Amino acid sequence: MSGRLGVVGIVIENMAVVPAVNKILSEHKDTIVGRMGIPYRQRQVAVISLIVDGTTDDIGSLTGKLGALRGVSVKSALTKK
């Protein structure tokens, strides 16, 4: 299977779910190439950007689990190949 390269943007508005987010990211560590997280204290949110490389199933599993958390918004953009 060939992998898809892309970026995933995550906005966390409910800081109580941060441990759950970190657990999910850890479970998908083989799909994540790079990660940058910024706590935006003035707006009381956290913003995480990921560079991902994996199958559509792998990336879909990651984004689906994150998006199911209350107060977490997720968007992704992937290469077509």
PDB file of N, CA and C in Angstrom:
ATOM      1  N   MET A   1       0.834  -1.180   0.000  1.00  0.00           N
ATOM      2  CA  MET A   1       0.000   0.000   0.000  1.00  0.00           C
ATOM      3  C   MET A   1       0.877   1.241   0.000  1.00  0.00           C
ATOM      4  N   SER A   2       0.559   2.196  -0.833  1.00  0.00           N
ATOM      5  CA  SER A   2       1.306   3.442  -0.816  1.00  0.00           C
ATOM      6  C   SER A   2       0.610   4.423   0.107  1.00  0.00           C
ATOM      7  N   GLY A   3       1.416   5.261   0.731  1.00  0.00           N
ATOM      8  CA  GLY A   3       0.877   6.212   1.694  1.00  0.00           C
ATOM      9  C   GLY A   3       0.493   7.524   1.051  1.00  0.00           C
ATOM     10  N   ARG A   4      -0.337   8.236   1.761  1.00  0.00           N
ATOM     11  CA  ARG A   4      -0.738   9.585   1.359  1.00  0.00           C
ATOM     12  C   ARG A   4      -0.029  10.552   2.288  1.00  0.00           C
ATOM     13  N   LEU A   5       0.455  11.642   1.763  1.00  0.00           N
ATOM     14  CA  LEU A   5       1.113  12.684   2.529  1.00  0.00           C
ATOM     15  C   LEU A   5       0.124  13.811   2.734  1.00  0.00           C
ATOM     16  N   GLY A   6       0.119  14.403   3.920  1.00  0.00           N
ATOM     17  CA  GLY A   6      -0.815  15.493   4.140  1.00  0.00           C
ATOM     18  C   GLY A   6      -0.584  16.216   5.443  1.00  0.00           C
ATOM     19  N   VAL A   7      -1.510  17.103   5.723  1.00  0.00           N
ATOM     20  CA  VAL A   7      -1.477  17.903   6.940  1.00  0.00           C
ATOM     21  C   VAL A   7      -2.823  17.765   7.637  1.00  0.00           C
ATOM     22  N   VAL A   8      -2.783  17.711   8.968  1.00  0.00           N
ATOM     23  CA  VAL A   8      -3.996  17.655   9.774  1.00  0.00           C
ATOM     24  C   VAL A   8      -3.950  18.817  10.754  1.00  0.00           C
ATOM     25  N   GLY A   9      -5.003  19.614  10.768  1.00  0.00           N
ATOM     26  CA  GLY A   9      -5.122  20.723  11.713  1.00  0.00           C
ATOM     27  C   GLY A   9      -6.122  20.361  12.796  1.00  0.00           C
ATOM     28  N   ILE A  10      -5.740  20.609  14.045  1.00  0.00           N
ATOM     29  CA  ILE A  10      -6.586  20.266  15.190  1.00  0.00           C
ATOM     30  C   ILE A  10      -6.738  21.505  16.067  1.00  0.00           C
ATOM     31  N   VAL A  11      -7.971  21.838  16.421  1.00  0.00           N
ATOM     32  CA  VAL A  11      -8.238  22.921  17.362  1.00  0.00           C
ATOM     33  C   VAL A  11      -8.969  22.323  18.555  1.00  0.00           C
ATOM     34  N   ILE A  12      -8.396  22.525  19.732  1.00  0.00           N
ATOM     35  CA  ILE A  12      -8.971  21.976  20.963  1.00  0.00           C
ATOM     36  C   ILE A  12      -9.556  23.127  21.771  1.00  0.00           C
ATOM     37  N   GLU A  13     -10.879  23.128  21.930  1.00  0.00           N
ATOM     38  CA  GLU A  13     -11.562  24.158  22.708  1.00  0.00           C
ATOM     39  C   GLU A  13     -11.911  23.677  24.113  1.00  0.00           C
ATOM     40  N   ASN A  14     -11.864  22.380  24.333  1.00  0.00           N
ATOM     41  CA  ASN A  14     -12.176  21.777  25.632  1.00  0.00           C
ATOM     42  C   ASN A  14     -10.876  21.182  26.180  1.00  0.00           C
ATOM     43  N   MET A  15     -10.198  21.933  27.038  1.00  0.00           N
ATOM     44  CA  MET A  15      -8.883  21.510  27.510  1.00  0.00           C
ATOM     45  C   MET A  15      -8.938  20.229  28.345  1.00  0.00           C
ATOM     46  N   ALA A  16     -10.096  19.840  28.796  1.00  0.00           N
ATOM     47  CA  ALA A  16     -10.234  18.605  29.569  1.00  0.00           C
ATOM     48  C   ALA A  16      -9.932  17.363  28.721  1.00  0.00           C
ATOM     49  N   VAL A  17     -10.015  17.479  27.396  1.00  0.00           N
ATOM     50  CA  VAL A  17      -9.767  16.321  26.531  1.00  0.00           C
ATOM     51  C   VAL A  17      -8.324  16.221  26.048  1.00  0.00           C
ATOM     52  N   VAL A  18      -7.470  17.122  26.483  1.00  0.00           N
ATOM     53  CA  VAL A  18      -6.071  17.099  26.039  1.00  0.00           C
ATOM     54  C   VAL A  18      -5.396  15.748  26.307  1.00  0.00           C
ATOM     55  N   PRO A  19      -5.570  15.133  27.491  1.00  0.00           N
ATOM     56  CA  PRO A  19      -4.966  13.809  27.685  1.00  0.00           C
ATOM     57  C   PRO A  19      -5.469  12.769  26.674  1.00  0.00           C
ATOM     58  N   ALA A  20      -6.736  12.819  26.328  1.00  0.00           N
ATOM     59  CA  ALA A  20      -7.290  11.894  25.336  1.00  0.00           C
ATOM     60  C   ALA A  20      -6.701  12.163  23.956  1.00  0.00           C
ATOM     61  N   VAL A  21      -6.520  13.427  23.608  1.00  0.00           N
ATOM     62  CA  VAL A  21      -5.904  13.785  22.323  1.00  0.00           C
ATOM     63  C   VAL A  21      -4.482  13.232  22.264  1.00  0.00           C
ATOM     64  N   ASN A  22      -3.719  13.447  23.323  1.00  0.00           N
ATOM     65  CA  ASN A  22      -2.338  12.963  23.350  1.00  0.00           C
ATOM     66  C   ASN A  22      -2.265  11.441  23.266  1.00  0.00           C
ATOM     67  N   LYS A  23      -3.221  10.759  23.879  1.00  0.00           N
ATOM     68  CA  LYS A  23      -3.261   9.293  23.820  1.00  0.00           C
ATOM     69  C   LYS A  23      -3.501   8.822  22.378  1.00  0.00           C
ATOM     70  N   ILE A  24      -4.446   9.465  21.699  1.00  0.00           N
ATOM     71  CA  ILE A  24      -4.748   9.114  20.307  1.00  0.00           C
ATOM     72  C   ILE A  24      -3.544   9.392  19.410  1.00  0.00           C
ATOM     73  N   LEU A  25      -2.901  10.539  19.608  1.00  0.00           N
ATOM     74  CA  LEU A  25      -1.723  10.864  18.802  1.00  0.00           C
ATOM     75  C   LEU A  25      -0.611   9.847  19.033  1.00  0.00           C
ATOM     76  N   SER A  26      -0.436   9.431  20.268  1.00  0.00           N
ATOM     77  CA  SER A  26       0.581   8.427  20.592  1.00  0.00           C
ATOM     78  C   SER A  26       0.268   7.088  19.922  1.00  0.00           C
ATOM     79  N   GLU A  27      -1.005   6.712  19.897  1.00  0.00           N
ATOM     80  CA  GLU A  27      -1.414   5.459  19.261  1.00  0.00           C
ATOM     81  C   GLU A  27      -1.149   5.464  17.754  1.00  0.00           C
ATOM     82  N   HIS A  28      -1.102   6.656  17.147  1.00  0.00           N
ATOM     83  CA  HIS A  28      -0.908   6.791  15.705  1.00  0.00           C
ATOM     84  C   HIS A  28       0.471   7.359  15.376  1.00  0.00           C
ATOM     85  N   LYS A  29       1.431   7.125  16.248  1.00  0.00           N
ATOM     86  CA  LYS A  29       2.770   7.706  16.080  1.00  0.00           C
ATOM     87  C   LYS A  29       3.454   7.286  14.784  1.00  0.00           C
ATOM     88  N   ASP A  30       3.131   6.126  14.266  1.00  0.00           N
ATOM     89  CA  ASP A  30       3.759   5.662  13.032  1.00  0.00           C
ATOM     90  C   ASP A  30       3.243   6.406  11.796  1.00  0.00           C
ATOM     91  N   THR A  31       2.107   7.055  11.920  1.00  0.00           N
ATOM     92  CA  THR A  31       1.535   7.825  10.818  1.00  0.00           C
ATOM     93  C   THR A  31       1.990   9.281  10.858  1.00  0.00           C
ATOM     94  N   ILE A  32       2.376   9.761  12.048  1.00  0.00           N
ATOM     95  CA  ILE A  32       2.726  11.169  12.241  1.00  0.00           C
ATOM     96  C   ILE A  32       4.214  11.380  11.969  1.00  0.00           C
ATOM     97  N   VAL A  33       4.506  12.251  10.998  1.00  0.00           N
ATOM     98  CA  VAL A  33       5.885  12.582  10.641  1.00  0.00           C
ATOM     99  C   VAL A  33       6.382  13.732  11.521  1.00  0.00           C
ATOM    100  N   GLY A  34       5.527  14.715  11.763  1.00  0.00           N
ATOM    101  CA  GLY A  34       5.894  15.880  12.561  1.00  0.00           C
ATOM    102  C   GLY A  34       4.682  16.475  13.240  1.00  0.00           C
ATOM    103  N   ARG A  35       4.949  17.186  14.329  1.00  0.00           N
ATOM    104  CA  ARG A  35       3.855  17.756  15.125  1.00  0.00           C
ATOM    105  C   ARG A  35       4.291  19.090  15.702  1.00  0.00           C
ATOM    106  N   MET A  36       3.397  20.075  15.625  1.00  0.00           N
ATOM    107  CA  MET A  36       3.633  21.352  16.280  1.00  0.00           C
ATOM    108  C   MET A  36       2.367  21.716  17.051  1.00  0.00           C
ATOM    109  N   GLY A  37       2.506  21.961  18.329  1.00  0.00           N
ATOM    110  CA  GLY A  37       1.366  22.328  19.155  1.00  0.00           C
ATOM    111  C   GLY A  37       1.588  23.679  19.808  1.00  0.00           C
ATOM    112  N   ILE A  38       0.574  24.511  19.747  1.00  0.00           N
ATOM    113  CA  ILE A  38       0.653  25.853  20.320  1.00  0.00           C
ATOM    114  C   ILE A  38      -0.524  26.064  21.265  1.00  0.00           C
ATOM    115  N   PRO A  39      -0.256  26.302  22.557  1.00  0.00           N
ATOM    116  CA  PRO A  39      -1.352  26.690  23.444  1.00  0.00           C
ATOM    117  C   PRO A  39      -1.624  28.186  23.256  1.00  0.00           C
ATOM    118  N   TYR A  40      -2.806  28.523  22.839  1.00  0.00           N
ATOM    119  CA  TYR A  40      -3.187  29.920  22.594  1.00  0.00           C
ATOM    120  C   TYR A  40      -3.973  30.385  23.812  1.00  0.00           C
ATOM    121  N   ARG A  41      -3.259  30.802  24.827  1.00  0.00           N
ATOM    122  CA  ARG A  41      -3.852  31.092  26.139  1.00  0.00           C
ATOM    123  C   ARG A  41      -4.865  32.238  26.114  1.00  0.00           C
ATOM    124  N   GLN A  42      -4.639  33.237  25.274  1.00  0.00           N
ATOM    125  CA  GLN A  42      -5.575  34.367  25.205  1.00  0.00           C
ATOM    126  C   GLN A  42      -6.973  33.928  24.769  1.00  0.00           C
ATOM    127  N   ARG A  43      -7.050  32.870  23.969  1.00  0.00           N
ATOM    128  CA  ARG A  43      -8.344  32.374  23.500  1.00  0.00           C
ATOM    129  C   ARG A  43      -8.752  31.086  24.197  1.00  0.00           C
ATOM    130  N   GLN A  44      -7.895  30.607  25.112  1.00  0.00           N
ATOM    131  CA  GLN A  44      -8.141  29.389  25.879  1.00  0.00           C
ATOM    132  C   GLN A  44      -8.400  28.175  24.976  1.00  0.00           C
ATOM    133  N   VAL A  45      -7.549  28.052  23.958  1.00  0.00           N
ATOM    134  CA  VAL A  45      -7.604  26.907  23.053  1.00  0.00           C
ATOM    135  C   VAL A  45      -6.176  26.412  22.821  1.00  0.00           C
ATOM    136  N   ALA A  46      -6.067  25.243  22.229  1.00  0.00           N
ATOM    137  CA  ALA A  46      -4.780  24.724  21.773  1.00  0.00           C
ATOM    138  C   ALA A  46      -4.920  24.382  20.298  1.00  0.00           C
ATOM    139  N   VAL A  47      -3.861  24.648  19.543  1.00  0.00           N
ATOM    140  CA  VAL A  47      -3.860  24.373  18.115  1.00  0.00           C
ATOM    141  C   VAL A  47      -2.685  23.436  17.829  1.00  0.00           C
ATOM    142  N   ILE A  48      -2.976  22.336  17.147  1.00  0.00           N
ATOM    143  CA  ILE A  48      -1.949  21.359  16.798  1.00  0.00           C
ATOM    144  C   ILE A  48      -1.975  21.154  15.290  1.00  0.00           C
ATOM    145  N   SER A  49      -0.789  21.171  14.685  1.00  0.00           N
ATOM    146  CA  SER A  49      -0.696  20.817  13.267  1.00  0.00           C
ATOM    147  C   SER A  49       0.176  19.578  13.146  1.00  0.00           C
ATOM    148  N   LEU A  50      -0.263  18.666  12.297  1.00  0.00           N
ATOM    149  CA  LEU A  50       0.448  17.411  12.077  1.00  0.00           C
ATOM    150  C   LEU A  50       0.806  17.262  10.608  1.00  0.00           C
ATOM    151  N   ILE A  51       1.984  16.730  10.348  1.00  0.00           N
ATOM    152  CA  ILE A  51       2.327  16.242   9.021  1.00  0.00           C
ATOM    153  C   ILE A  51       2.162  14.734   9.109  1.00  0.00           C
ATOM    154  N   VAL A  52       1.375  14.163   8.216  1.00  0.00           N
ATOM    155  CA  VAL A  52       1.074  12.732   8.275  1.00  0.00           C
ATOM    156  C   VAL A  52       1.470  12.044   6.964  1.00  0.00           C
ATOM    157  N   ASP A  53       1.811  10.766   7.088  1.00  0.00           N
ATOM    158  CA  ASP A  53       2.126   9.932   5.930  1.00  0.00           C
ATOM    159  C   ASP A  53       1.614   8.534   6.255  1.00  0.00           C
ATOM    160  N   GLY A  54       0.561   8.117   5.560  1.00  0.00           N
ATOM    161  CA  GLY A  54      -0.023   6.808   5.827  1.00  0.00           C
ATOM    162  C   GLY A  54      -1.132   6.503   4.848  1.00  0.00           C
ATOM    163  N   THR A  55      -1.736   5.380   5.032  1.00  0.00           N
ATOM    164  CA  THR A  55      -2.865   5.018   4.175  1.00  0.00           C
ATOM    165  C   THR A  55      -4.065   5.887   4.536  1.00  0.00           C
ATOM    166  N   THR A  56      -5.036   5.933   3.651  1.00  0.00           N
ATOM    167  CA  THR A  56      -6.242   6.700   3.960  1.00  0.00           C
ATOM    168  C   THR A  56      -6.954   6.110   5.175  1.00  0.00           C
ATOM    169  N   ASP A  57      -6.860   4.792   5.352  1.00  0.00           N
ATOM    170  CA  ASP A  57      -7.457   4.157   6.536  1.00  0.00           C
ATOM    171  C   ASP A  57      -6.764   4.614   7.818  1.00  0.00           C
ATOM    172  N   ASP A  58      -5.423   4.661   7.792  1.00  0.00           N
ATOM    173  CA  ASP A  58      -4.664   5.104   8.962  1.00  0.00           C
ATOM    174  C   ASP A  58      -5.013   6.543   9.334  1.00  0.00           C
ATOM    175  N   ILE A  59      -4.985   7.408   8.338  1.00  0.00           N
ATOM    176  CA  ILE A  59      -5.245   8.831   8.577  1.00  0.00           C
ATOM    177  C   ILE A  59      -6.704   9.044   8.960  1.00  0.00           C
ATOM    178  N   GLY A  60      -7.606   8.301   8.328  1.00  0.00           N
ATOM    179  CA  GLY A  60      -9.023   8.394   8.671  1.00  0.00           C
ATOM    180  C   GLY A  60      -9.301   7.941  10.095  1.00  0.00           C
ATOM    181  N   SER A  61      -8.602   6.916  10.534  1.00  0.00           N
ATOM    182  CA  SER A  61      -8.752   6.448  11.910  1.00  0.00           C
ATOM    183  C   SER A  61      -8.305   7.529  12.890  1.00  0.00           C
ATOM    184  N   LEU A  62      -7.161   8.131  12.607  1.00  0.00           N
ATOM    185  CA  LEU A  62      -6.636   9.203  13.457  1.00  0.00           C
ATOM    186  C   LEU A  62      -7.605  10.377  13.532  1.00  0.00           C
ATOM    187  N   THR A  63      -8.013  10.883  12.377  1.00  0.00           N
ATOM    188  CA  THR A  63      -8.885  12.068  12.377  1.00  0.00           C
ATOM    189  C   THR A  63     -10.277  11.744  12.913  1.00  0.00           C
ATOM    190  N   GLY A  64     -10.756  10.537  12.662  1.00  0.00           N
ATOM    191  CA  GLY A  64     -12.073  10.141  13.164  1.00  0.00           C
ATOM    192  C   GLY A  64     -12.114  10.074  14.679  1.00  0.00           C
ATOM    193  N   LYS A  65     -11.081   9.484  15.279  1.00  0.00           N
ATOM    194  CA  LYS A  65     -11.026   9.400  16.740  1.00  0.00           C
ATOM    195  C   LYS A  65     -10.912  10.785  17.373  1.00  0.00           C
ATOM    196  N   LEU A  66     -10.088  11.644  16.757  1.00  0.00           N
ATOM    197  CA  LEU A  66      -9.936  13.002  17.293  1.00  0.00           C
ATOM    198  C   LEU A  66     -11.241  13.791  17.150  1.00  0.00           C
ATOM    199  N   GLY A  67     -11.859  13.687  15.998  1.00  0.00           N
ATOM    200  CA  GLY A  67     -13.092  14.432  15.742  1.00  0.00           C
ATOM    201  C   GLY A  67     -14.261  13.991  16.595  1.00  0.00           C
ATOM    202  N   ALA A  68     -14.182  12.772  17.143  1.00  0.00           N
ATOM    203  CA  ALA A  68     -15.261  12.276  18.003  1.00  0.00           C
ATOM    204  C   ALA A  68     -15.200  12.861  19.417  1.00  0.00           C
ATOM    205  N   LEU A  69     -14.083  13.499  19.745  1.00  0.00           N
ATOM    206  CA  LEU A  69     -13.954  14.089  21.079  1.00  0.00           C
ATOM    207  C   LEU A  69     -14.707  15.415  21.144  1.00  0.00           C
ATOM    208  N   ARG A  70     -15.405  15.626  22.228  1.00  0.00           N
ATOM    209  CA  ARG A  70     -16.169  16.860  22.411  1.00  0.00           C
ATOM    210  C   ARG A  70     -15.218  18.051  22.542  1.00  0.00           C
ATOM    211  N   GLY A  71     -15.450  19.079  21.740  1.00  0.00           N
ATOM    212  CA  GLY A  71     -14.627  20.282  21.804  1.00  0.00           C
ATOM    213  C   GLY A  71     -13.370  20.222  20.955  1.00  0.00           C
ATOM    214  N   VAL A  72     -13.281  19.222  20.051  1.00  0.00           N
ATOM    215  CA  VAL A  72     -12.122  19.091  19.164  1.00  0.00           C
ATOM    216  C   VAL A  72     -12.597  19.187  17.716  1.00  0.00           C
ATOM    217  N   SER A  73     -11.973  20.108  16.964  1.00  0.00           N
ATOM    218  CA  SER A  73     -12.260  20.244  15.529  1.00  0.00           C
ATOM    219  C   SER A  73     -11.045  19.773  14.754  1.00  0.00           C
ATOM    220  N   VAL A  74     -11.280  19.008  13.676  1.00  0.00           N
ATOM    221  CA  VAL A  74     -10.189  18.426  12.897  1.00  0.00           C
ATOM    222  C   VAL A  74     -10.464  18.631  11.409  1.00  0.00           C
ATOM    223  N   LYS A  75      -9.435  19.053  10.683  1.00  0.00           N
ATOM    224  CA  LYS A  75      -9.511  19.161   9.221  1.00  0.00           C
ATOM    225  C   LYS A  75      -8.226  18.597   8.643  1.00  0.00           C
ATOM    226  N   SER A  76      -8.341  17.963   7.488  1.00  0.00           N
ATOM    227  CA  SER A  76      -7.144  17.407   6.856  1.00  0.00           C
ATOM    228  C   SER A  76      -7.114  17.730   5.388  1.00  0.00           C
ATOM    229  N   ALA A  77      -5.895  17.765   4.845  1.00  0.00           N
ATOM    230  CA  ALA A  77      -5.669  17.922   3.415  1.00  0.00           C
ATOM    231  C   ALA A  77      -4.598  16.910   3.029  1.00  0.00           C
ATOM    232  N   LEU A  78      -4.910  16.074   2.026  1.00  0.00           N
ATOM    233  CA  LEU A  78      -4.010  14.986   1.654  1.00  0.00           C
ATOM    234  C   LEU A  78      -3.680  15.054   0.171  1.00  0.00           C
ATOM    235  N   THR A  79      -2.510  14.501  -0.175  1.00  0.00           N
ATOM    236  CA  THR A  79      -2.164  14.385  -1.586  1.00  0.00           C
ATOM    237  C   THR A  79      -3.137  13.421  -2.250  1.00  0.00           C
ATOM    238  N   LYS A  80      -3.278  13.522  -3.547  1.00  0.00           N
ATOM    239  CA  LYS A  80      -4.212  12.653  -4.266  1.00  0.00           C
ATOM    240  C   LYS A  80      -3.630  11.288  -4.527  1.00  0.00           C
ATOM    241  N   LYS A  81      -2.317  11.128  -4.482  1.00  0.00           N
ATOM    242  CA  LYS A  81      -1.680   9.828  -4.751  1.00  0.00           C
ATOM    243  C   LYS A  81      -1.224   9.191  -3.470  1.00  0.00           C
TER     244      LYS A  81
END
